[in-house]
C-alpha atoms as a PDB file:
ATOM      1  CA  MET A   1     -11.942  -5.364  -1.269  1.00  0.00           C
ATOM      2  CA  ILE A   2     -13.574  -4.943  -4.647  1.00  0.00           C
ATOM      3  CA  TYR A   3     -11.807  -6.423  -7.650  1.00  0.00           C
ATOM      4  CA  VAL A   4     -12.760  -5.496 -11.174  1.00  0.00           C
ATOM      5  CA  ASP A   5     -12.055  -7.004 -14.551  1.00  0.00           C
ATOM      6  CA  PRO A   6     -11.815  -4.011 -16.899  1.00  0.00           C
ATOM      7  CA  ALA A   7     -13.287  -6.037 -19.757  1.00  0.00           C
ATOM      8  CA  ILE A   8     -16.445  -6.700 -17.739  1.00  0.00           C
ATOM      9  CA  TRP A   9     -16.684  -3.057 -16.588  1.00  0.00           C
ATOM     10  CA  GLU A  10     -16.256  -1.817 -20.157  1.00  0.00           C
ATOM     11  CA  SER A  11     -18.963  -4.201 -21.370  1.00  0.00           C
ATOM     12  CA  LEU A  12     -21.527  -2.455 -19.142  1.00  0.00           C
ATOM     13  CA  SER A  13     -23.551   0.362 -20.606  1.00  0.00           C
ATOM     14  CA  GLU A  14     -23.217   3.856 -19.143  1.00  0.00           C
ATOM     15  CA  ARG A  15     -26.623   3.354 -17.551  1.00  0.00           C
ATOM     16  CA  GLU A  16     -25.479   0.103 -15.907  1.00  0.00           C
ATOM     17  CA  ARG A  17     -22.272   1.714 -14.599  1.00  0.00           C
ATOM     18  CA  ASP A  18     -24.276   4.644 -13.211  1.00  0.00           C
ATOM     19  CA  ALA A  19     -26.550   2.133 -11.485  1.00  0.00           C
ATOM     20  CA  VAL A  20     -23.518   0.527  -9.825  1.00  0.00           C
ATOM     21  CA  PHE A  21     -22.376   3.921  -8.491  1.00  0.00           C
ATOM     22  CA  ARG A  22     -25.886   4.720  -7.203  1.00  0.00           C
ATOM     23  CA  ALA A  23     -26.075   1.308  -5.556  1.00  0.00           C
ATOM     24  CA  HIS A  24     -22.827   2.061  -3.690  1.00  0.00           C
ATOM     25  CA  ASP A  25     -24.428   5.229  -2.328  1.00  0.00           C
ATOM     26  CA  GLU A  26     -27.432   3.183  -1.192  1.00  0.00           C
ATOM     27  CA  PHE A  27     -25.142   0.521   0.312  1.00  0.00           C
ATOM     28  CA  ARG A  28     -23.136   3.047   2.351  1.00  0.00           C
ATOM     29  CA  ARG A  29     -26.059   4.910   3.896  1.00  0.00           C
ATOM     30  CA  PRO A  30     -27.360   2.223   6.309  1.00  0.00           C
ATOM     31  CA  ILE A  31     -23.926   0.981   7.400  1.00  0.00           C
ATOM     32  CA  ALA A  32     -22.797   4.558   8.021  1.00  0.00           C
ATOM     33  CA  ASP A  33     -25.941   5.116  10.110  1.00  0.00           C
ATOM     34  CA  SER A  34     -25.344   1.874  12.069  1.00  0.00           C
ATOM     35  CA  GLY A  35     -21.721   2.823  12.770  1.00  0.00           C
ATOM     36  CA  GLU A  36     -20.342  -0.205  10.932  1.00  0.00           C
ATOM     37  CA  LEU A  37     -18.716   1.849   8.150  1.00  0.00           C
ATOM     38  CA  ILE A  38     -15.187   2.846   9.123  1.00  0.00           C
ATOM     39  CA  GLY A  39     -13.906   3.992   5.721  1.00  0.00           C
ATOM     40  CA  HIS A  40     -13.990   3.417   1.987  1.00  0.00           C
ATOM     41  CA  ALA A  41     -12.270   4.530  -1.181  1.00  0.00           C
ATOM     42  CA  ALA A  42     -12.318   3.949  -4.886  1.00  0.00           C
ATOM     43  CA  LEU A  43      -8.886   3.464  -6.397  1.00  0.00           C
ATOM     44  CA  ALA A  44      -7.620   4.877  -9.682  1.00  0.00           C
ATOM     45  CA  ASP A  45      -6.901   2.585 -12.602  1.00  0.00           C
ATOM     46  CA  PRO A  46      -3.654   0.616 -12.130  1.00  0.00           C
ATOM     47  CA  SER A  47      -2.134   2.415 -15.115  1.00  0.00           C
ATOM     48  CA  ASN A  48      -1.882   5.430 -12.782  1.00  0.00           C
ATOM     49  CA  SER A  49       0.161   3.561 -10.186  1.00  0.00           C
ATOM     50  CA  THR A  50       3.835   3.504  -9.349  1.00  0.00           C
ATOM     51  CA  THR A  51       5.491   0.406  -7.931  1.00  0.00           C
ATOM     52  CA  VAL A  52       8.317   0.998  -5.458  1.00  0.00           C
ATOM     53  CA  ARG A  53      10.978  -1.555  -4.593  1.00  0.00           C
ATOM     54  CA  VAL A  54      14.169  -1.088  -2.607  1.00  0.00           C
ATOM     55  CA  ARG A  55      17.099  -3.130  -3.926  1.00  0.00           C
ATOM     56  CA  ASP A  56      20.597  -2.888  -2.523  1.00  0.00           C
ATOM     57  CA  GLY A  57      19.453   0.091  -0.451  1.00  0.00           C
ATOM     58  CA  ALA A  58      18.293   2.104  -3.464  1.00  0.00           C
ATOM     59  CA  PRO A  59      14.650   2.814  -4.351  1.00  0.00           C
ATOM     60  CA  ILE A  60      13.508   1.696  -7.783  1.00  0.00           C
ATOM     61  CA  LEU A  61      10.270   3.271  -9.023  1.00  0.00           C
ATOM     62  CA  THR A  62       8.419   1.721 -11.933  1.00  0.00           C
ATOM     63  CA  ASP A  63       5.347   3.202 -13.589  1.00  0.00           C
ATOM     64  CA  GLY A  64       2.340   0.937 -13.645  1.00  0.00           C
ATOM     65  CA  PRO A  65       1.031  -1.908 -11.537  1.00  0.00           C
ATOM     66  CA  TYR A  66       3.179  -4.472  -9.777  1.00  0.00           C
ATOM     67  CA  GLN A  67       1.974  -7.323 -11.902  1.00  0.00           C
ATOM     68  CA  ALA A  68      -0.184  -7.887 -14.908  1.00  0.00           C
ATOM     69  CA  ALA A  69      -3.478  -9.387 -13.822  1.00  0.00           C
ATOM     70  CA  LYS A  70      -6.904  -9.775 -15.322  1.00  0.00           C
ATOM     71  CA  GLU A  71      -8.522  -8.188 -12.283  1.00  0.00           C
ATOM     72  CA  HIS A  72      -7.276  -5.334 -10.118  1.00  0.00           C
ATOM     73  CA  LEU A  73      -8.219  -3.828  -6.791  1.00  0.00           C
ATOM     74  CA  ALA A  74     -10.747  -1.132  -7.618  1.00  0.00           C
ATOM     75  CA  GLY A  75     -11.747  -0.025  -4.142  1.00  0.00           C
ATOM     76  CA  TYR A  76     -12.465  -1.090  -0.622  1.00  0.00           C
ATOM     77  CA  TYR A  77     -14.684  -0.683   2.396  1.00  0.00           C
ATOM     78  CA  VAL A  78     -13.522  -1.006   5.988  1.00  0.00           C
ATOM     79  CA  VAL A  79     -16.319  -2.071   8.304  1.00  0.00           C
ATOM     80  CA  ASP A  80     -16.483  -2.963  11.972  1.00  0.00           C
ATOM     81  CA  CYS A  81     -18.857  -5.917  12.168  1.00  0.00           C
ATOM     82  CA  GLU A  82     -19.952  -8.226  14.916  1.00  0.00           C
ATOM     83  CA  SER A  83     -18.723 -11.256  12.930  1.00  0.00           C
ATOM     84  CA  ALA A  84     -17.086 -12.470   9.739  1.00  0.00           C
ATOM     85  CA  ALA A  85     -20.515 -13.733   8.695  1.00  0.00           C
ATOM     86  CA  ARG A  86     -21.905 -10.170   8.892  1.00  0.00           C
ATOM     87  CA  ALA A  87     -18.995  -8.915   6.766  1.00  0.00           C
ATOM     88  CA  GLY A  88     -19.874 -11.584   4.198  1.00  0.00           C
ATOM     89  CA  VAL A  89     -23.504 -10.482   4.180  1.00  0.00           C
ATOM     90  CA  LEU A  90     -22.437  -6.874   3.585  1.00  0.00           C
ATOM     91  CA  ALA A  91     -20.042  -7.940   0.821  1.00  0.00           C
ATOM     92  CA  SER A  92     -22.855  -9.807  -0.924  1.00  0.00           C
ATOM     93  CA  GLN A  93     -24.853  -6.564  -0.994  1.00  0.00           C
ATOM     94  CA  LEU A  94     -22.207  -4.688  -2.978  1.00  0.00           C
ATOM     95  CA  PRO A  95     -23.406  -4.135  -6.543  1.00  0.00           C
ATOM     96  CA  ASP A  96     -20.017  -5.233  -7.911  1.00  0.00           C
ATOM     97  CA  ALA A  97     -20.576  -8.758  -6.551  1.00  0.00           C
ATOM     98  CA  ARG A  98     -22.894  -9.360  -9.522  1.00  0.00           C
ATOM     99  CA  TYR A  99     -19.988  -8.805 -11.919  1.00  0.00           C
ATOM    100  CA  THR A 100     -16.758  -9.612 -10.106  1.00  0.00           C
ATOM    101  CA  ALA A 101     -15.145 -10.754  -6.844  1.00  0.00           C
ATOM    102  CA  ILE A 102     -15.415  -9.185  -3.425  1.00  0.00           C
ATOM    103  CA  GLU A 103     -12.734 -10.279  -0.959  1.00  0.00           C
ATOM    104  CA  VAL A 104     -13.482 -10.143   2.764  1.00  0.00           C
ATOM    105  CA  ARG A 105     -10.376 -10.053   4.931  1.00  0.00           C
ATOM    106  CA  PRO A 106      -9.837  -9.048   8.569  1.00  0.00           C
ATOM    107  CA  VAL A 107      -7.662  -6.035   9.313  1.00  0.00           C
ATOM    108  CA  MET A 108      -4.621  -6.960  11.387  1.00  0.00           C
ATOM    109  CA  ASP A 109      -4.703  -5.479  14.867  1.00  0.00           C
ATOM    110  CA  ALA A 110      -1.199  -4.910  16.231  1.00  0.00           C
ATOM    111  CA  SER A 111      -2.565  -4.752  19.792  1.00  0.00           C
ATOM    112  CA  SER A 112      -3.604  -8.397  19.595  1.00  0.00           C
ATOM    113  CA  GLY A 113      -0.434  -9.669  17.922  1.00  0.00           C
ATOM    114  CA  MET A 114       0.632 -10.140  14.374  1.00  0.00           C
ATOM    115  CA  GLU A 115      -1.307 -13.339  13.696  1.00  0.00           C
ATOM    116  CA  MET A 116      -2.679 -13.443  10.200  1.00  0.00           C
END
């Protein structure tokens, strides 16, 4: 999961931001070819989100993100790797890792229980 601090992103020049996008294209190519890439997506800015809560049986929709935070989830990759160490290596290759945090977390598999 790729987290971004908008202040850092905005401090980059257009050329630097374009380089980040190109580097994502370069990152995806070999892991797609190897079969490790399962999926990926960039997420819209949190200002475009809606938070949904159900209270007393009634849905409550609120515009905007759930909580104010310095960083927000900007996108993600889902990969099928031989080990957590391999996932860490791939995460370190993401261009965003030079500017912000990349979180590596296993996907829960209901067939093997709900252990977290």
